[in-house]
Protein backbone atom coordinates (compact mmCIF):
# COMPACT_ATOMS: atom_id res chain seq x y z
CA MET A 1 0.00 0.00 0.00
CA ILE A 2 1.40 3.38 -1.02
CA GLU A 3 1.24 6.00 1.72
CA THR A 4 3.60 8.77 0.59
CA ILE A 5 4.58 10.48 -2.62
CA GLU A 6 8.11 9.16 -2.13
CA GLN A 7 6.74 5.61 -2.02
CA LEU A 8 4.66 6.29 -5.13
CA GLN A 9 7.78 7.44 -6.95
CA GLN A 10 9.81 4.42 -5.86
CA VAL A 11 7.11 1.83 -6.55
CA SER A 12 6.18 3.39 -9.90
CA HIS A 13 9.83 3.21 -10.94
CA GLN A 14 10.23 -0.38 -9.74
CA VAL A 15 7.06 -1.63 -11.41
CA ALA A 16 7.89 0.12 -14.69
CA ALA A 17 11.36 -1.42 -14.69
CA SER A 18 10.02 -4.89 -13.88
CA LYS A 19 7.54 -4.65 -16.78
CA GLY A 20 10.19 -3.72 -19.36
CA TRP A 21 9.58 0.03 -19.58
CA HIS A 22 13.30 0.68 -19.07
CA ASP A 23 14.52 -1.83 -21.67
CA LEU A 24 14.46 0.62 -24.57
CA PRO A 25 15.61 4.23 -24.49
CA SER A 26 12.87 6.81 -24.14
CA SER A 27 12.84 10.55 -23.58
CA ASN A 28 11.15 12.79 -21.08
CA MET A 29 9.04 14.08 -23.96
CA GLU A 30 7.80 10.55 -24.72
CA ARG A 31 6.96 10.07 -21.05
CA LEU A 32 5.06 13.38 -20.99
CA CYS A 33 3.04 12.19 -23.97
CA LEU A 34 2.11 9.04 -22.03
CA ILE A 35 0.95 11.25 -19.13
CA HIS A 36 -1.11 13.28 -21.60
CA THR A 37 -2.66 10.05 -22.88
CA GLU A 38 -3.84 9.16 -19.37
CA ILE A 39 -5.38 12.63 -18.95
CA SER A 40 -7.14 12.20 -22.32
CA GLU A 41 -8.48 8.85 -21.16
CA ALA A 42 -9.79 10.56 -18.00
CA ALA A 43 -11.48 13.18 -20.18
CA GLU A 44 -13.11 10.39 -22.17
CA GLU A 45 -14.48 8.93 -18.93
CA ILE A 46 -16.10 12.31 -18.19
CA ARG A 47 -17.56 12.37 -21.69
CA VAL A 48 -19.26 8.99 -21.31
CA LYS A 49 -20.26 9.10 -17.61
CA SER A 50 -22.36 11.39 -15.48
CA ASP A 51 -20.46 13.36 -12.83
CA GLY A 52 -22.01 11.24 -10.08
CA GLU A 53 -20.23 8.15 -11.40
CA LEU A 54 -16.72 9.59 -11.66
CA GLY A 55 -15.55 7.95 -8.43
CA ALA A 56 -16.74 4.51 -9.49
CA ILE A 57 -14.24 1.82 -10.40
CA TYR A 58 -15.49 -0.87 -12.72
CA TRP A 59 -13.85 -3.97 -14.10
CA GLU A 60 -13.36 -5.31 -17.60
CA GLY A 61 -12.52 -8.93 -18.35
CA VAL A 62 -13.83 -10.45 -15.11
CA GLU A 63 -15.27 -13.40 -17.03
CA SER A 64 -11.88 -14.30 -18.50
CA GLY A 65 -10.14 -14.09 -15.12
CA ASN A 66 -8.05 -11.15 -16.32
CA ALA A 67 -9.92 -8.26 -14.69
CA LYS A 68 -8.68 -4.75 -15.44
CA PRO A 69 -9.85 -1.76 -13.36
CA LEU A 70 -11.34 1.11 -15.35
CA GLY A 71 -12.94 4.49 -14.69
CA PHE A 72 -12.15 8.16 -14.18
CA ALA A 73 -10.42 7.52 -10.84
CA ILE A 74 -8.24 4.83 -12.43
CA GLU A 75 -7.18 7.16 -15.25
CA LEU A 76 -6.24 9.84 -12.70
CA ALA A 77 -4.26 7.19 -10.82
CA ASP A 78 -2.52 6.18 -14.06
CA ALA A 79 -1.53 9.80 -14.69
CA MET A 80 -0.16 10.17 -11.15
CA ILE A 81 1.78 6.91 -11.48
CA ARG A 82 3.35 8.08 -14.74
CA ILE A 83 4.15 11.50 -13.23
CA ALA A 84 5.76 9.85 -10.21
CA HIS A 85 7.79 7.58 -12.48
CA LEU A 86 9.00 10.54 -14.56
CA ALA A 87 9.93 12.44 -11.40
CA GLN A 88 11.86 9.47 -10.03
CA LEU A 89 13.77 9.03 -13.30
CA ASN A 90 14.85 12.67 -13.10
CA ASN A 91 15.69 12.66 -9.38
CA ILE A 92 12.92 15.15 -8.64
CA ASP A 93 11.68 15.45 -5.07
CA LEU A 94 8.01 15.65 -5.97
CA THR A 95 6.91 16.14 -2.36
CA ARG A 96 9.11 19.22 -2.08
CA ALA A 97 7.96 20.56 -5.45
CA ILE A 98 4.30 20.11 -4.51
CA ASN A 99 4.83 21.83 -1.16
CA VAL A 100 6.69 24.75 -2.76
CA LYS A 101 3.98 25.21 -5.40
CA THR A 102 1.15 24.87 -2.87
CA GLU A 103 2.66 27.55 -0.65
CA TYR A 104 3.08 29.84 -3.66
CA ASN A 105 -0.53 29.21 -4.74
CA LYS A 106 -1.72 30.30 -1.28
CA SER A 107 -0.20 33.73 -1.94
CA ARG A 108 -1.89 34.24 -5.31
CA SER A 109 -4.85 36.54 -5.83
CA TYR A 110 -8.41 35.29 -6.15
CA ARG A 111 -8.88 33.58 -9.55
CA HIS A 112 -5.48 34.92 -10.59
CA GLY A 113 -5.18 35.46 -14.32
CA GLY A 114 -8.94 35.64 -14.80
CA LYS A 115 -8.99 32.55 -17.03
CA THR A 116 -12.20 30.65 -17.62
CA LEU A 117 -12.63 27.01 -18.52
């Protein structure tokens, strides 16, 4: 069970390595594209589900004995796992970066930038 961001980084790195994701060279740009893919898959979950179902996890392939978890929450988890892996590969202390950015965000003005969705 993962309890800290540091553990997420370490486990993400270990699992990726054990599944062959370190066997061939790849760039940070390629890894960012994989993160973007997970975000796009999360967006697709929003497109096909009502907001009330976004926390649901459902399973595909149960009948075959090869169940795969799916859903908006799973796609967010996939994105976080890929981000943690990228951070670990680049020796980034993600906990520190998140804390620095959170403290900065606290100092920003209300709806800074005035952007809309």
